[in-house]
C-alpha cells in the first residue's frame, strides 16, 4: 500500500506504530548507555560550551548528573551523550 493512498485513520495508526518503535529503540539505547556508567566514573560530553569533563554523581532512570571537573557546575545529561574516560598510566 502506498502512503498516498492511505486514509487519515490509517496514517494515524501508522504514526502510532512508528512512534512506539522509536520509543522502544531509544529506551534500549538508554539502558545500554546506563549499563556502562557508575557513580564516580570520569566522563566527557559535549555541552553548549564545548567539550566538558566531569564525574558521574547520580544515575537516574533516563538521565545522569555529572559534576564538572572543576566542581563549579552540575549537568543533567542524557546517558547516550556520555563517554567514559580511561585512566592514563
PDB file of N, CA and C in Angstrom:
ATOM      1  N   UNK A   1       0.842  -1.180   0.000  1.00  0.00           N
ATOM      2  CA  UNK A   1       0.000   0.000   0.000  1.00  0.00           C
ATOM      3  C   UNK A   1       0.889   1.246   0.000  1.00  0.00           C
ATOM      4  N   UNK A   2       0.537   2.187  -0.834  1.00  0.00           N
ATOM      5  CA  UNK A   2       1.281   3.442  -0.920  1.00  0.00           C
ATOM      6  C   UNK A   2       0.758   4.431   0.121  1.00  0.00           C
ATOM      7  N   UNK A   3       1.655   5.194   0.678  1.00  0.00           N
ATOM      8  CA  UNK A   3       1.270   6.158   1.708  1.00  0.00           C
ATOM      9  C   UNK A   3       0.282   7.194   1.166  1.00  0.00           C
ATOM     10  N   UNK A   4       0.399   7.507  -0.114  1.00  0.00           N
ATOM     11  CA  UNK A   4      -0.505   8.475  -0.741  1.00  0.00           C
ATOM     12  C   UNK A   4      -1.947   7.962  -0.792  1.00  0.00           C
ATOM     13  N   UNK A   5      -2.119   6.660  -0.735  1.00  0.00           N
ATOM     14  CA  UNK A   5      -3.452   6.060  -0.820  1.00  0.00           C
ATOM     15  C   UNK A   5      -4.072   5.797   0.552  1.00  0.00           C
ATOM     16  N   UNK A   6      -3.370   6.105   1.611  1.00  0.00           N
ATOM     17  CA  UNK A   6      -3.860   5.808   2.959  1.00  0.00           C
ATOM     18  C   UNK A   6      -4.811   6.893   3.450  1.00  0.00           C
ATOM     19  N   UNK A   7      -5.799   6.469   4.240  1.00  0.00           N
ATOM     20  CA  UNK A   7      -6.739   7.412   4.848  1.00  0.00           C
ATOM     21  C   UNK A   7      -6.084   8.058   6.071  1.00  0.00           C
ATOM     22  N   UNK A   8      -6.748   9.057   6.595  1.00  0.00           N
ATOM     23  CA  UNK A   8      -6.235   9.722   7.796  1.00  0.00           C
ATOM     24  C   UNK A   8      -6.144   8.724   8.947  1.00  0.00           C
ATOM     25  N   UNK A   9      -7.164   7.898   9.120  1.00  0.00           N
ATOM     26  CA  UNK A   9      -7.145   6.909  10.205  1.00  0.00           C
ATOM     27  C   UNK A   9      -5.983   5.928  10.043  1.00  0.00           C
ATOM     28  N   UNK A  10      -5.735   5.503   8.822  1.00  0.00           N
ATOM     29  CA  UNK A  10      -4.617   4.587   8.573  1.00  0.00           C
ATOM     30  C   UNK A  10      -3.281   5.274   8.845  1.00  0.00           C
ATOM     31  N   UNK A  11      -3.176   6.528   8.437  1.00  0.00           N
ATOM     32  CA  UNK A  11      -1.938   7.279   8.684  1.00  0.00           C
ATOM     33  C   UNK A  11      -1.710   7.492  10.178  1.00  0.00           C
ATOM     34  N   UNK A  12      -2.781   7.780  10.904  1.00  0.00           N
ATOM     35  CA  UNK A  12      -2.652   7.956  12.353  1.00  0.00           C
ATOM     36  C   UNK A  12      -2.216   6.659  13.026  1.00  0.00           C
ATOM     37  N   UNK A  13      -2.753   5.539  12.592  1.00  0.00           N
ATOM     38  CA  UNK A  13      -2.359   4.245  13.150  1.00  0.00           C
ATOM     39  C   UNK A  13      -0.900   3.945  12.821  1.00  0.00           C
ATOM     40  N   UNK A  14      -0.497   4.212  11.595  1.00  0.00           N
ATOM     41  CA  UNK A  14       0.898   4.010  11.195  1.00  0.00           C
ATOM     42  C   UNK A  14       1.818   4.886  12.036  1.00  0.00           C
ATOM     43  N   UNK A  15       1.427   6.139  12.253  1.00  0.00           N
ATOM     44  CA  UNK A  15       2.216   7.054  13.073  1.00  0.00           C
ATOM     45  C   UNK A  15       2.365   6.516  14.494  1.00  0.00           C
ATOM     46  N   UNK A  16       1.297   5.981  15.044  1.00  0.00           N
ATOM     47  CA  UNK A  16       1.323   5.417  16.394  1.00  0.00           C
ATOM     48  C   UNK A  16       2.323   4.264  16.485  1.00  0.00           C
ATOM     49  N   UNK A  17       2.293   3.386  15.498  1.00  0.00           N
ATOM     50  CA  UNK A  17       3.208   2.238  15.479  1.00  0.00           C
ATOM     51  C   UNK A  17       4.655   2.711  15.346  1.00  0.00           C
ATOM     52  N   UNK A  18       4.894   3.681  14.488  1.00  0.00           N
ATOM     53  CA  UNK A  18       6.248   4.206  14.284  1.00  0.00           C
ATOM     54  C   UNK A  18       6.756   4.857  15.570  1.00  0.00           C
ATOM     55  N   UNK A  19       5.925   5.656  16.222  1.00  0.00           N
ATOM     56  CA  UNK A  19       6.336   6.319  17.468  1.00  0.00           C
ATOM     57  C   UNK A  19       6.647   5.310  18.565  1.00  0.00           C
ATOM     58  N   UNK A  20       5.852   4.242  18.655  1.00  0.00           N
ATOM     59  CA  UNK A  20       6.125   3.201  19.648  1.00  0.00           C
ATOM     60  C   UNK A  20       7.472   2.538  19.378  1.00  0.00           C
ATOM     61  N   UNK A  21       7.761   2.266  18.117  1.00  0.00           N
ATOM     62  CA  UNK A  21       9.037   1.624  17.761  1.00  0.00           C
ATOM     63  C   UNK A  21      10.213   2.547  18.075  1.00  0.00           C
ATOM     64  N   UNK A  22      10.067   3.825  17.782  1.00  0.00           N
ATOM     65  CA  UNK A  22      11.125   4.794  18.107  1.00  0.00           C
ATOM     66  C   UNK A  22      11.370   4.822  19.612  1.00  0.00           C
ATOM     67  N   UNK A  23      10.303   4.835  20.403  1.00  0.00           N
ATOM     68  CA  UNK A  23      10.437   4.825  21.864  1.00  0.00           C
ATOM     69  C   UNK A  23      11.163   3.570  22.349  1.00  0.00           C
ATOM     70  N   UNK A  24      10.824   2.418  21.782  1.00  0.00           N
ATOM     71  CA  UNK A  24      11.483   1.165  22.159  1.00  0.00           C
ATOM     72  C   UNK A  24      12.981   1.224  21.867  1.00  0.00           C
ATOM     73  N   UNK A  25      13.336   1.716  20.686  1.00  0.00           N
ATOM     74  CA  UNK A  25      14.754   1.795  20.318  1.00  0.00           C
ATOM     75  C   UNK A  25      15.508   2.787  21.196  1.00  0.00           C
ATOM     76  N   UNK A  26      14.887   3.914  21.507  1.00  0.00           N
ATOM     77  CA  UNK A  26      15.537   4.896  22.382  1.00  0.00           C
ATOM     78  C   UNK A  26      15.710   4.350  23.789  1.00  0.00           C
ATOM     79  N   UNK A  27      14.708   3.629  24.293  1.00  0.00           N
ATOM     80  CA  UNK A  27      14.825   3.017  25.618  1.00  0.00           C
ATOM     81  C   UNK A  27      15.955   2.000  25.646  1.00  0.00           C
ATOM     82  N   UNK A  28      16.102   1.232  24.586  1.00  0.00           N
ATOM     83  CA  UNK A  28      17.178   0.240  24.501  1.00  0.00           C
ATOM     84  C   UNK A  28      18.547   0.925  24.510  1.00  0.00           C
ATOM     85  N   UNK A  29      18.677   2.023  23.757  1.00  0.00           N
ATOM     86  CA  UNK A  29      19.935   2.780  23.744  1.00  0.00           C
ATOM     87  C   UNK A  29      20.248   3.341  25.127  1.00  0.00           C
ATOM     88  N   UNK A  30      19.230   3.871  25.799  1.00  0.00           N
ATOM     89  CA  UNK A  30      19.422   4.442  27.132  1.00  0.00           C
ATOM     90  C   UNK A  30      19.891   3.373  28.114  1.00  0.00           C
ATOM     91  N   UNK A  31      19.237   2.216  28.101  1.00  0.00           N
ATOM     92  CA  UNK A  31      19.639   1.130  29.008  1.00  0.00           C
ATOM     93  C   UNK A  31      21.057   0.665  28.732  1.00  0.00           C
ATOM     94  N   UNK A  32      21.417   0.561  27.461  1.00  0.00           N
ATOM     95  CA  UNK A  32      22.775   0.156  27.088  1.00  0.00           C
ATOM     96  C   UNK A  32      23.791   1.176  27.612  1.00  0.00           C
ATOM     97  N   UNK A  33      23.490   2.460  27.415  1.00  0.00           N
ATOM     98  CA  UNK A  33      24.401   3.510  27.879  1.00  0.00           C
ATOM     99  C   UNK A  33      24.492   3.518  29.404  1.00  0.00           C
ATOM    100  N   UNK A  34      23.361   3.346  30.087  1.00  0.00           N
ATOM    101  CA  UNK A  34      23.371   3.339  31.554  1.00  0.00           C
ATOM    102  C   UNK A  34      24.176   2.173  32.110  1.00  0.00           C
ATOM    103  N   UNK A  35      24.173   1.050  31.407  1.00  0.00           N
ATOM    104  CA  UNK A  35      24.906  -0.121  31.902  1.00  0.00           C
ATOM    105  C   UNK A  35      26.417   0.107  31.905  1.00  0.00           C
ATOM    106  N   UNK A  36      26.891   1.101  31.165  1.00  0.00           N
ATOM    107  CA  UNK A  36      28.321   1.404  31.090  1.00  0.00           C
ATOM    108  C   UNK A  36      28.764   2.422  32.148  1.00  0.00           C
ATOM    109  N   UNK A  37      27.811   2.957  32.904  1.00  0.00           N
ATOM    110  CA  UNK A  37      28.119   4.036  33.843  1.00  0.00           C
ATOM    111  C   UNK A  37      28.015   3.577  35.286  1.00  0.00           C
ATOM    112  N   UNK A  38      28.739   4.300  36.157  1.00  0.00           N
ATOM    113  CA  UNK A  38      28.645   4.087  37.598  1.00  0.00           C
ATOM    114  C   UNK A  38      29.028   5.401  38.289  1.00  0.00           C
ATOM    115  N   UNK A  39      28.538   5.581  39.497  1.00  0.00           N
ATOM    116  CA  UNK A  39      28.866   6.786  40.263  1.00  0.00           C
ATOM    117  C   UNK A  39      30.379   6.814  40.488  1.00  0.00           C
ATOM    118  N   UNK A  40      30.972   7.978  40.275  1.00  0.00           N
ATOM    119  CA  UNK A  40      32.411   8.146  40.443  1.00  0.00           C
ATOM    120  C   UNK A  40      33.195   8.021  39.145  1.00  0.00           C
ATOM    121  N   UNK A  41      32.549   7.568  38.076  1.00  0.00           N
ATOM    122  CA  UNK A  41      33.218   7.398  36.783  1.00  0.00           C
ATOM    123  C   UNK A  41      33.485   8.758  36.153  1.00  0.00           C
ATOM    124  N   UNK A  42      34.688   8.943  35.637  1.00  0.00           N
ATOM    125  CA  UNK A  42      35.019  10.167  34.907  1.00  0.00           C
ATOM    126  C   UNK A  42      34.498  10.031  33.482  1.00  0.00           C
ATOM    127  N   UNK A  43      33.809  11.092  33.022  1.00  0.00           N
ATOM    128  CA  UNK A  43      33.198  11.068  31.698  1.00  0.00           C
ATOM    129  C   UNK A  43      33.474  12.372  30.964  1.00  0.00           C
ATOM    130  N   UNK A  44      33.237  12.341  29.676  1.00  0.00           N
ATOM    131  CA  UNK A  44      33.291  13.544  28.857  1.00  0.00           C
ATOM    132  C   UNK A  44      32.011  13.614  28.046  1.00  0.00           C
ATOM    133  N   UNK A  45      31.616  14.831  27.699  1.00  0.00           N
ATOM    134  CA  UNK A  45      30.427  15.035  26.874  1.00  0.00           C
ATOM    135  C   UNK A  45      30.483  16.411  26.238  1.00  0.00           C
ATOM    136  N   UNK A  46      29.702  16.591  25.187  1.00  0.00           N
ATOM    137  CA  UNK A  46      29.618  17.879  24.506  1.00  0.00           C
ATOM    138  C   UNK A  46      28.507  18.700  25.149  1.00  0.00           C
ATOM    139  N   UNK A  47      28.839  19.919  25.545  1.00  0.00           N
ATOM    140  CA  UNK A  47      27.837  20.825  26.088  1.00  0.00           C
ATOM    141  C   UNK A  47      27.743  22.035  25.167  1.00  0.00           C
ATOM    142  N   UNK A  48      26.894  22.967  25.509  1.00  0.00           N
ATOM    143  CA  UNK A  48      26.791  24.200  24.716  1.00  0.00           C
ATOM    144  C   UNK A  48      28.097  24.984  24.751  1.00  0.00           C
ATOM    145  N   UNK A  49      28.856  24.798  25.840  1.00  0.00           N
ATOM    146  CA  UNK A  49      30.139  25.496  25.984  1.00  0.00           C
ATOM    147  C   UNK A  49      31.282  24.759  25.299  1.00  0.00           C
ATOM    148  N   UNK A  50      31.001  23.596  24.753  1.00  0.00           N
ATOM    149  CA  UNK A  50      32.045  22.776  24.132  1.00  0.00           C
ATOM    150  C   UNK A  50      32.255  21.500  24.923  1.00  0.00           C
ATOM    151  N   UNK A  51      33.342  20.774  24.641  1.00  0.00           N
ATOM    152  CA  UNK A  51      33.581  19.509  25.350  1.00  0.00           C
ATOM    153  C   UNK A  51      33.878  19.748  26.830  1.00  0.00           C
ATOM    154  N   UNK A  52      33.257  18.934  27.684  1.00  0.00           N
ATOM    155  CA  UNK A  52      33.464  19.042  29.116  1.00  0.00           C
ATOM    156  C   UNK A  52      33.806  17.679  29.700  1.00  0.00           C
ATOM    157  N   UNK A  53      34.536  17.715  30.818  1.00  0.00           N
ATOM    158  CA  UNK A  53      34.829  16.506  31.574  1.00  0.00           C
ATOM    159  C   UNK A  53      34.228  16.663  32.955  1.00  0.00           C
ATOM    160  N   UNK A  54      33.847  15.539  33.530  1.00  0.00           N
ATOM    161  CA  UNK A  54      33.283  15.585  34.861  1.00  0.00           C
ATOM    162  C   UNK A  54      33.200  14.193  35.456  1.00  0.00           C
ATOM    163  N   UNK A  55      32.525  14.111  36.598  1.00  0.00           N
ATOM    164  CA  UNK A  55      32.382  12.860  37.331  1.00  0.00           C
ATOM    165  C   UNK A  55      30.894  12.586  37.539  1.00  0.00           C
ATOM    166  N   UNK A  56      30.482  11.354  37.286  1.00  0.00           N
ATOM    167  CA  UNK A  56      29.098  10.951  37.499  1.00  0.00           C
ATOM    168  C   UNK A  56      28.823  10.966  39.001  1.00  0.00           C
ATOM    169  N   UNK A  57      27.794  11.713  39.413  1.00  0.00           N
ATOM    170  CA  UNK A  57      27.437  11.780  40.834  1.00  0.00           C
ATOM    171  C   UNK A  57      26.114  11.078  41.136  1.00  0.00           C
ATOM    172  N   UNK A  58      25.263  10.952  40.115  1.00  0.00           N
ATOM    173  CA  UNK A  58      23.977  10.294  40.325  1.00  0.00           C
ATOM    174  C   UNK A  58      23.483   9.734  38.998  1.00  0.00           C
ATOM    175  N   UNK A  59      22.896   8.544  39.053  1.00  0.00           N
ATOM    176  CA  UNK A  59      22.348   7.917  37.856  1.00  0.00           C
ATOM    177  C   UNK A  59      20.844   7.754  38.054  1.00  0.00           C
ATOM    178  N   UNK A  60      20.077   8.403  37.209  1.00  0.00           N
ATOM    179  CA  UNK A  60      18.622   8.290  37.223  1.00  0.00           C
ATOM    180  C   UNK A  60      18.188   7.325  36.121  1.00  0.00           C
ATOM    181  N   UNK A  61      16.899   7.131  36.020  1.00  0.00           N
ATOM    182  CA  UNK A  61      16.376   6.186  35.033  1.00  0.00           C
ATOM    183  C   UNK A  61      16.657   6.629  33.598  1.00  0.00           C
ATOM    184  N   UNK A  62      16.582   7.935  33.332  1.00  0.00           N
ATOM    185  CA  UNK A  62      16.770   8.419  31.969  1.00  0.00           C
ATOM    186  C   UNK A  62      17.782   9.549  31.854  1.00  0.00           C
ATOM    187  N   UNK A  63      18.428   9.901  32.947  1.00  0.00           N
ATOM    188  CA  UNK A  63      19.431  10.969  32.907  1.00  0.00           C
ATOM    189  C   UNK A  63      20.511  10.692  33.943  1.00  0.00           C
ATOM    190  N   UNK A  64      21.621  11.402  33.779  1.00  0.00           N
ATOM    191  CA  UNK A  64      22.764  11.237  34.672  1.00  0.00           C
ATOM    192  C   UNK A  64      23.202  12.627  35.126  1.00  0.00           C
ATOM    193  N   UNK A  65      23.506  12.764  36.409  1.00  0.00           N
ATOM    194  CA  UNK A  65      24.018  14.024  36.935  1.00  0.00           C
ATOM    195  C   UNK A  65      25.544  13.937  36.930  1.00  0.00           C
ATOM    196  N   UNK A  66      26.157  14.934  36.287  1.00  0.00           N
ATOM    197  CA  UNK A  66      27.614  14.981  36.162  1.00  0.00           C
ATOM    198  C   UNK A  66      28.113  16.277  36.791  1.00  0.00           C
ATOM    199  N   UNK A  67      29.074  16.158  37.695  1.00  0.00           N
ATOM    200  CA  UNK A  67      29.713  17.316  38.309  1.00  0.00           C
ATOM    201  C   UNK A  67      30.916  17.687  37.453  1.00  0.00           C
ATOM    202  N   UNK A  68      30.958  18.952  37.025  1.00  0.00           N
ATOM    203  CA  UNK A  68      32.075  19.421  36.199  1.00  0.00           C
ATOM    204  C   UNK A  68      33.399  19.153  36.896  1.00  0.00           C
ATOM    205  N   UNK A  69      34.426  18.947  36.112  1.00  0.00           N
ATOM    206  CA  UNK A  69      35.751  18.606  36.629  1.00  0.00           C
ATOM    207  C   UNK A  69      36.236  19.605  37.678  1.00  0.00           C
ATOM    208  N   UNK A  70      35.940  20.888  37.460  1.00  0.00           N
ATOM    209  CA  UNK A  70      36.384  21.910  38.417  1.00  0.00           C
ATOM    210  C   UNK A  70      35.403  22.090  39.582  1.00  0.00           C
ATOM    211  N   UNK A  71      34.295  21.323  39.585  1.00  0.00           N
ATOM    212  CA  UNK A  71      33.330  21.381  40.668  1.00  0.00           C
ATOM    213  C   UNK A  71      32.418  22.583  40.634  1.00  0.00           C
ATOM    214  N   UNK A  72      32.479  23.355  39.565  1.00  0.00           N
ATOM    215  CA  UNK A  72      31.731  24.606  39.504  1.00  0.00           C
ATOM    216  C   UNK A  72      30.263  24.442  39.133  1.00  0.00           C
ATOM    217  N   UNK A  73      29.916  23.348  38.479  1.00  0.00           N
ATOM    218  CA  UNK A  73      28.563  23.227  37.965  1.00  0.00           C
ATOM    219  C   UNK A  73      28.166  21.766  37.813  1.00  0.00           C
ATOM    220  N   UNK A  74      26.870  21.495  37.974  1.00  0.00           N
ATOM    221  CA  UNK A  74      26.346  20.156  37.718  1.00  0.00           C
ATOM    222  C   UNK A  74      25.551  20.186  36.416  1.00  0.00           C
ATOM    223  N   UNK A  75      25.612  19.077  35.699  1.00  0.00           N
ATOM    224  CA  UNK A  75      24.883  18.955  34.441  1.00  0.00           C
ATOM    225  C   UNK A  75      23.983  17.728  34.492  1.00  0.00           C
ATOM    226  N   UNK A  76      22.775  17.876  33.973  1.00  0.00           N
ATOM    227  CA  UNK A  76      21.866  16.747  33.810  1.00  0.00           C
ATOM    228  C   UNK A  76      21.984  16.328  32.350  1.00  0.00           C
ATOM    229  N   UNK A  77      22.511  15.116  32.120  1.00  0.00           N
ATOM    230  CA  UNK A  77      22.893  14.698  30.776  1.00  0.00           C
ATOM    231  C   UNK A  77      22.208  13.382  30.416  1.00  0.00           C
ATOM    232  N   UNK A  78      21.812  13.276  29.166  1.00  0.00           N
ATOM    233  CA  UNK A  78      21.294  12.006  28.662  1.00  0.00           C
ATOM    234  C   UNK A  78      22.448  11.001  28.626  1.00  0.00           C
ATOM    235  N   UNK A  79      22.241   9.776  29.111  1.00  0.00           N
ATOM    236  CA  UNK A  79      23.345   8.813  29.189  1.00  0.00           C
ATOM    237  C   UNK A  79      23.986   8.496  27.846  1.00  0.00           C
ATOM    238  N   UNK A  80      23.237   8.606  26.762  1.00  0.00           N
ATOM    239  CA  UNK A  80      23.802   8.310  25.442  1.00  0.00           C
ATOM    240  C   UNK A  80      24.868   9.317  25.022  1.00  0.00           C
ATOM    241  N   UNK A  81      24.879  10.489  25.658  1.00  0.00           N
ATOM    242  CA  UNK A  81      25.832  11.537  25.290  1.00  0.00           C
ATOM    243  C   UNK A  81      27.143  11.452  26.057  1.00  0.00           C
ATOM    244  N   UNK A  82      27.208  10.594  27.067  1.00  0.00           N
ATOM    245  CA  UNK A  82      28.401  10.490  27.896  1.00  0.00           C
ATOM    246  C   UNK A  82      29.379   9.460  27.344  1.00  0.00           C
ATOM    247  N   UNK A  83      30.657   9.794  27.434  1.00  0.00           N
ATOM    248  CA  UNK A  83      31.722   8.883  27.036  1.00  0.00           C
ATOM    249  C   UNK A  83      32.660   8.702  28.228  1.00  0.00           C
ATOM    250  N   UNK A  84      32.821   7.458  28.719  1.00  0.00           N
ATOM    251  CA  UNK A  84      33.748   7.234  29.845  1.00  0.00           C
ATOM    252  C   UNK A  84      35.177   7.607  29.450  1.00  0.00           C
ATOM    253  N   UNK A  85      35.894   8.177  30.411  1.00  0.00           N
ATOM    254  CA  UNK A  85      37.315   8.481  30.206  1.00  0.00           C
ATOM    255  C   UNK A  85      38.126   7.318  30.756  1.00  0.00           C
ATOM    256  N   UNK A  86      39.146   6.961  30.069  1.00  0.00           N
ATOM    257  CA  UNK A  86      40.051   5.888  30.525  1.00  0.00           C
ATOM    258  C   UNK A  86      41.235   6.528  31.221  1.00  0.00           C
ATOM    259  N   UNK A  87      41.600   5.977  32.367  1.00  0.00           N
ATOM    260  CA  UNK A  87      42.765   6.492  33.085  1.00  0.00           C
ATOM    261  C   UNK A  87      44.029   6.195  32.300  1.00  0.00           C
ATOM    262  N   UNK A  88      44.884   7.199  32.192  1.00  0.00           N
ATOM    263  CA  UNK A  88      46.163   7.040  31.512  1.00  0.00           C
ATOM    264  C   UNK A  88      47.228   6.817  32.573  1.00  0.00           C
ATOM    265  N   UNK A  89      48.000   5.744  32.434  1.00  0.00           N
ATOM    266  CA  UNK A  89      49.025   5.428  33.445  1.00  0.00           C
ATOM    267  C   UNK A  89      50.394   5.720  32.924  1.00  0.00           C
TER     268      UNK A  89
END
